[in-house]
Amino acid sequence: MSRDHRFACGALSVAAVLLLPLLGVACSSSVAPKARATLLVTNATCAAGQCQSLDVLAFPSEQPVTPAGLWSLDLGTFSAAQLCIEIPASARFTVSGSNANGTTATTTTNWNAGDGLSLGLVTPPGTRIQASPSTPEFAPAAAQGWTVTLPGTAAPVRSAPCTP
């Protein structure tokens, strides 16, 4: 499963346009992607059988410069005690905008499961643009299964794969 995320804006800042060539440089990972990894998320808000709804986001470590917050992958929303998520094998994020001279500036950032990412939540009444990571970085391809409790700041832990 590959995801393509696009962001278009009317004008990029001068700093963002100057950094576009740098964003095109790819980083390599020492962790080769394996079979798709799963993530078992435990909802820490559950009390007396009631759980708050959580919108789980993954924030790739390599972030493009955007005028609208951090790039994130929407892993799923749930209001149960646990959710098993299949982490995408790869994703692409494209930023497009206009330069001061009217030409189009576009940059693409690629991510794969061998690269690092951190987890976070959309916290009501906030929006996805206001969300940020709360866990340390991990490379999903380093194990077939992971488990984490959210909301929280603990790192995901290797575990047996779950069934989405």
Protein backbone atom coordinates (compact mmCIF):
# COMPACT_ATOMS: atom_id res chain seq x y z
CA MET A 1 0.00 0.00 0.00
CA SER A 2 1.42 3.35 -1.02
CA ARG A 3 -0.05 6.71 -0.14
CA ASP A 4 0.27 9.95 -2.08
CA HIS A 5 -0.29 13.18 -0.16
CA ARG A 6 -0.42 16.47 -2.03
CA PHE A 7 -0.39 19.99 -0.67
CA ALA A 8 -0.92 23.02 -2.86
CA CYS A 9 -0.56 26.59 -1.74
CA GLY A 10 -0.80 29.98 -3.40
CA ALA A 11 2.75 31.05 -2.66
CA LEU A 12 5.69 29.44 -0.92
CA SER A 13 7.89 31.51 1.34
CA VAL A 14 11.28 32.60 -0.03
CA ALA A 15 13.01 30.25 2.42
CA ALA A 16 10.88 27.32 1.24
CA VAL A 17 11.68 28.03 -2.41
CA LEU A 18 15.40 28.29 -1.67
CA LEU A 19 15.26 24.96 0.15
CA LEU A 20 13.42 23.13 -2.67
CA PRO A 21 16.65 21.78 -4.23
CA LEU A 22 17.78 20.50 -0.84
CA LEU A 23 14.49 18.71 -0.26
CA GLY A 24 15.00 16.69 -3.41
CA VAL A 25 18.03 14.94 -1.87
CA ALA A 26 16.91 11.54 -0.66
CA CYS A 27 18.02 9.98 2.58
CA SER A 28 18.77 6.29 2.68
CA SER A 29 17.99 3.96 5.51
CA SER A 30 20.00 1.08 6.88
CA VAL A 31 16.73 -0.77 7.57
CA ALA A 32 15.52 -2.58 4.45
CA PRO A 33 11.71 -2.75 4.16
CA LYS A 34 10.37 -6.21 5.04
CA ALA A 35 6.84 -7.53 4.88
CA ARG A 36 4.30 -4.94 5.92
CA ALA A 37 4.45 -4.06 9.58
CA THR A 38 1.46 -3.79 11.88
CA LEU A 39 0.91 -1.50 14.86
CA LEU A 40 -1.34 -2.42 17.79
CA VAL A 41 -2.50 0.84 19.41
CA THR A 42 -3.95 0.70 22.92
CA ASN A 43 -6.31 3.55 23.80
CA ALA A 44 -5.14 4.96 27.15
CA THR A 45 -8.29 7.07 27.52
CA CYS A 46 -10.54 4.10 28.27
CA ALA A 47 -12.22 4.18 31.69
CA ALA A 48 -15.21 2.14 32.83
CA GLY A 49 -15.77 0.83 29.30
CA GLN A 50 -15.84 4.28 27.67
CA CYS A 51 -13.03 5.36 25.35
CA GLN A 52 -12.37 8.68 23.68
CA SER A 53 -12.00 8.66 19.91
CA LEU A 54 -8.36 8.84 18.76
CA ASP A 55 -7.11 9.88 15.31
CA VAL A 56 -3.66 8.27 14.96
CA LEU A 57 -1.09 10.01 12.75
CA ALA A 58 2.41 8.97 11.66
CA PHE A 59 4.97 11.75 11.12
CA PRO A 60 7.85 10.79 8.79
CA SER A 61 11.25 11.95 10.06
CA GLU A 62 12.12 13.70 6.81
CA GLN A 63 9.76 16.67 6.68
CA PRO A 64 9.37 19.03 3.72
CA VAL A 65 9.03 22.75 4.36
CA THR A 66 5.30 23.54 4.16
CA PRO A 67 3.23 26.53 5.17
CA ALA A 68 0.60 24.27 6.73
CA GLY A 69 2.20 22.19 9.45
CA LEU A 70 3.90 18.82 9.51
CA TRP A 71 3.40 16.09 6.91
CA SER A 72 1.58 13.14 8.43
CA LEU A 73 -0.01 9.87 7.38
CA ASP A 74 -3.51 9.21 8.70
CA LEU A 75 -3.28 5.71 10.19
CA GLY A 76 -6.84 5.53 11.47
CA THR A 77 -9.47 6.73 13.90
CA PHE A 78 -10.94 4.51 16.60
CA SER A 79 -12.87 4.69 19.87
CA ALA A 80 -12.33 1.11 21.09
CA ALA A 81 -9.76 -0.18 23.58
CA GLN A 82 -7.38 -1.26 20.80
CA LEU A 83 -6.86 -0.94 17.06
CA CYS A 84 -4.56 -2.94 14.78
CA ILE A 85 -3.18 -0.84 11.93
CA GLU A 86 -1.20 -1.92 8.89
CA ILE A 87 1.54 0.66 8.39
CA PRO A 88 1.83 1.69 4.73
CA ALA A 89 4.92 0.42 2.92
CA SER A 90 5.57 3.86 1.42
CA ALA A 91 4.17 7.35 0.98
CA ARG A 92 4.85 10.42 -1.15
CA PHE A 93 4.18 14.04 -0.22
CA THR A 94 4.17 16.74 -2.88
CA VAL A 95 4.34 20.48 -2.16
CA SER A 96 3.41 22.81 -5.03
CA GLY A 97 3.25 26.58 -5.07
CA SER A 98 4.10 29.71 -7.01
CA ASN A 99 7.46 31.42 -7.00
CA ALA A 100 7.66 35.23 -6.85
CA ASN A 101 8.22 35.30 -10.63
CA GLY A 102 5.04 33.29 -11.29
CA THR A 103 6.68 29.95 -12.09
CA THR A 104 5.57 26.79 -10.33
CA ALA A 105 7.77 25.29 -7.64
CA THR A 106 7.21 21.62 -6.77
CA THR A 107 9.07 19.27 -4.47
CA THR A 108 8.32 15.66 -3.57
CA THR A 109 9.35 13.89 -0.38
CA ASN A 110 9.28 10.08 -0.37
CA TRP A 111 9.04 7.85 2.69
CA ASN A 112 9.22 4.07 3.07
CA ALA A 113 8.80 1.74 6.03
CA GLY A 114 12.59 1.48 6.43
CA ASP A 115 12.72 5.19 7.25
CA GLY A 116 11.89 6.64 10.64
CA LEU A 117 8.57 8.00 11.81
CA SER A 118 6.97 9.11 15.06
CA LEU A 119 3.35 8.82 16.19
CA GLY A 120 0.92 11.47 17.36
CA LEU A 121 -2.77 12.28 17.65
CA VAL A 122 -5.20 14.89 16.49
CA THR A 123 -6.42 16.23 19.81
CA PRO A 124 -9.90 17.78 19.74
CA PRO A 125 -10.70 20.56 19.19
CA GLY A 126 -7.43 20.82 17.25
CA THR A 127 -6.96 19.99 13.60
CA ARG A 128 -4.49 17.82 11.74
CA ILE A 129 -2.47 20.96 10.90
CA GLN A 130 -1.96 21.55 14.64
CA ALA A 131 -0.97 17.93 15.40
CA SER A 132 2.58 16.94 16.28
CA PRO A 133 4.43 13.72 17.16
CA SER A 134 4.48 12.52 20.76
CA THR A 135 6.54 9.30 20.52
CA PRO A 136 10.20 8.75 19.71
CA GLU A 137 11.10 7.77 16.16
CA PHE A 138 11.09 4.13 15.01
CA ALA A 139 11.52 2.36 11.64
CA PRO A 140 8.43 0.18 11.03
CA ALA A 141 10.32 -2.24 8.75
CA ALA A 142 12.66 -3.19 11.61
CA ALA A 143 9.97 -5.61 12.90
CA GLN A 144 6.77 -7.20 11.63
CA GLY A 145 4.76 -6.00 14.61
CA TRP A 146 4.74 -3.06 17.00
CA THR A 147 2.64 -2.02 19.98
CA VAL A 148 2.13 1.40 21.56
CA THR A 149 -0.20 3.09 24.04
CA LEU A 150 -1.64 6.47 23.03
CA PRO A 151 -1.95 9.16 24.12
CA GLY A 152 1.55 8.77 25.43
CA THR A 153 5.21 9.51 24.89
CA ALA A 154 6.68 5.99 25.10
CA ALA A 155 8.38 4.48 22.06
CA PRO A 156 6.57 1.77 20.11
CA VAL A 157 7.82 -1.69 21.17
CA ARG A 158 8.47 -4.67 18.90
CA SER A 159 5.77 -7.30 19.23
CA ALA A 160 4.08 -10.12 17.35
CA PRO A 161 2.12 -8.84 14.34
CA CYS A 162 -1.56 -8.17 14.91
CA THR A 163 -4.36 -8.77 12.39
CA PRO A 164 -5.91 -5.57 10.98
